[in-house]
N, C-alpha and C. Protein backbone atom coordinates (compact mmCIF):
# COMPACT_ATOMS: atom_id res chain seq x y z
N UNK A 1 0.41 4.65 -14.61
CA UNK A 1 1.60 4.10 -14.47
C UNK A 1 1.87 3.55 -13.01
N UNK A 2 1.27 4.46 -12.12
CA UNK A 2 1.42 4.25 -10.74
C UNK A 2 0.58 2.75 -10.42
N UNK A 3 -0.74 2.66 -11.24
CA UNK A 3 -1.49 1.73 -11.00
C UNK A 3 -0.76 0.23 -11.33
N UNK A 4 0.06 0.32 -12.30
CA UNK A 4 0.76 -0.93 -12.85
C UNK A 4 1.74 -1.29 -11.72
N UNK A 5 2.33 -0.52 -11.00
CA UNK A 5 3.16 -0.54 -9.79
C UNK A 5 2.23 -1.24 -8.67
N UNK A 6 1.17 -0.45 -8.61
CA UNK A 6 0.43 -0.84 -7.46
C UNK A 6 -0.15 -2.62 -7.51
N UNK A 7 -0.47 -2.81 -8.73
CA UNK A 7 -0.87 -4.16 -9.08
C UNK A 7 0.32 -5.23 -8.82
N UNK A 8 1.68 -4.69 -9.10
CA UNK A 8 2.68 -5.67 -8.80
C UNK A 8 2.90 -5.76 -7.21
N UNK A 9 2.60 -4.59 -6.46
CA UNK A 9 3.12 -4.71 -5.30
C UNK A 9 2.18 -4.97 -4.15
N UNK A 10 0.87 -4.86 -4.58
CA UNK A 10 -0.44 -4.93 -3.67
C UNK A 10 0.02 -6.52 -2.96
N UNK A 11 0.43 -7.41 -3.75
CA UNK A 11 0.36 -8.98 -2.87
C UNK A 11 1.64 -8.91 -2.09
N UNK A 12 2.57 -7.96 -1.99
CA UNK A 12 3.71 -8.20 -1.25
C UNK A 12 3.18 -7.20 0.07
N UNK A 13 2.55 -6.14 -0.34
CA UNK A 13 2.15 -5.27 0.95
C UNK A 13 1.14 -6.12 1.84
N UNK A 14 0.33 -7.04 1.22
CA UNK A 14 -0.55 -7.76 1.70
C UNK A 14 -0.01 -8.84 2.75
N UNK A 15 1.28 -9.61 2.04
CA UNK A 15 1.76 -10.31 2.65
C UNK A 15 2.62 -9.84 4.11
N UNK A 16 3.02 -8.60 3.81
CA UNK A 16 3.88 -8.10 4.94
C UNK A 16 3.03 -7.65 6.07
N UNK A 17 1.88 -7.12 5.50
CA UNK A 17 0.69 -6.72 6.55
C UNK A 17 0.21 -8.05 7.40
N UNK A 18 0.18 -8.96 6.68
CA UNK A 18 -0.34 -10.22 7.60
C UNK A 18 0.60 -10.79 8.43
N UNK A 19 1.96 -10.56 8.07
CA UNK A 19 3.11 -11.19 8.87
C UNK A 19 3.21 -10.08 10.16
N UNK A 20 3.01 -8.77 9.72
CA UNK A 20 3.01 -7.92 10.89
C UNK A 20 1.74 -7.31 11.73
N UNK A 21 0.67 -8.35 11.24
CA UNK A 21 -0.57 -7.86 11.79
C UNK A 21 -1.13 -6.44 11.57
N UNK A 22 -0.80 -5.81 10.54
CA UNK A 22 -1.34 -4.50 10.38
C UNK A 22 -2.52 -4.72 9.36
N UNK A 23 -3.28 -3.85 9.50
CA UNK A 23 -4.60 -3.88 8.54
C UNK A 23 -4.09 -2.97 7.29
N UNK A 24 -4.90 -3.16 6.11
CA UNK A 24 -4.53 -2.65 4.79
C UNK A 24 -4.09 -0.91 4.82
N UNK A 25 -4.88 -0.23 5.59
CA UNK A 25 -4.62 1.17 5.57
C UNK A 25 -3.42 1.39 6.47
N UNK A 26 -3.08 0.71 7.56
CA UNK A 26 -1.89 0.86 8.17
C UNK A 26 -0.73 0.74 7.10
N UNK A 27 -0.71 -0.36 6.69
CA UNK A 27 0.43 -0.91 5.76
C UNK A 27 0.54 0.28 4.66
N UNK A 28 -0.57 0.67 3.89
CA UNK A 28 -0.38 1.63 3.15
C UNK A 28 0.35 2.96 3.72
N UNK A 29 -0.25 3.31 4.79
CA UNK A 29 0.58 4.65 5.63
C UNK A 29 1.90 4.45 5.55
N UNK A 30 2.48 3.19 5.90
CA UNK A 30 3.61 2.81 6.17
C UNK A 30 4.38 2.85 5.06
N UNK A 31 3.79 2.30 3.95
CA UNK A 31 4.72 2.15 2.61
C UNK A 31 4.59 3.66 1.89
N UNK A 32 3.71 4.38 2.13
CA UNK A 32 3.72 5.88 1.65
C UNK A 32 4.81 6.77 2.34
N UNK A 33 5.00 6.43 3.64
CA UNK A 33 6.00 7.13 4.35
C UNK A 33 7.45 6.66 3.84
N UNK A 34 7.48 5.37 3.89
CA UNK A 34 8.68 4.77 3.60
C UNK A 34 9.21 5.42 2.14
N UNK A 35 8.35 5.45 1.13
CA UNK A 35 8.71 5.66 -0.23
C UNK A 35 8.53 7.05 -0.58
N UNK A 36 8.07 8.04 0.45
CA UNK A 36 8.00 9.31 0.45
C UNK A 36 6.79 9.78 -0.61
N UNK A 37 5.89 8.86 -0.79
CA UNK A 37 4.50 9.09 -1.68
C UNK A 37 3.56 9.95 -0.96
N UNK A 38 2.81 10.76 -1.91
CA UNK A 38 1.78 11.44 -1.25
C UNK A 38 0.52 10.46 -1.03
N UNK A 39 -0.22 10.88 0.05
CA UNK A 39 -1.41 10.00 0.29
C UNK A 39 -2.33 10.08 -0.77
N UNK A 40 -2.54 11.16 -1.54
CA UNK A 40 -3.54 11.42 -2.48
C UNK A 40 -3.40 10.54 -4.01
N UNK A 41 -2.18 9.89 -3.98
CA UNK A 41 -1.94 9.01 -5.31
C UNK A 41 -2.93 7.79 -5.31
N UNK A 42 -3.19 7.10 -4.22
CA UNK A 42 -4.12 5.97 -4.26
C UNK A 42 -5.47 6.34 -4.25
N UNK A 43 -6.16 5.29 -4.87
CA UNK A 43 -7.68 5.59 -5.09
C UNK A 43 -8.18 5.30 -3.69
N UNK A 44 -9.06 6.13 -3.02
CA UNK A 44 -9.67 5.92 -1.69
C UNK A 44 -10.92 4.97 -1.74
N UNK A 45 -11.07 4.68 -3.04
CA UNK A 45 -12.30 3.42 -3.00
C UNK A 45 -11.69 2.05 -3.05
N UNK A 46 -10.39 2.05 -2.89
CA UNK A 46 -9.61 0.74 -3.35
C UNK A 46 -10.12 -0.25 -2.27
N UNK A 47 -10.41 -1.43 -2.64
CA UNK A 47 -10.71 -2.45 -1.44
C UNK A 47 -9.51 -2.83 -0.45
C-alpha cells in the first residue's frame, strides 16, 4: 500500500527537491515530518 503511494509521489518529491535544492534524503525527512510518518516505513536501500 505504501509502495503504491511512494510510486505516485516520488516524482513530485524529486521535483520539489530540485526546486528547493535539497538532496533526496533531506526531502524525505521533510516529507516524513510533515506527514507524521515514521522513518522506518521507507526502504533504506532505495535509490
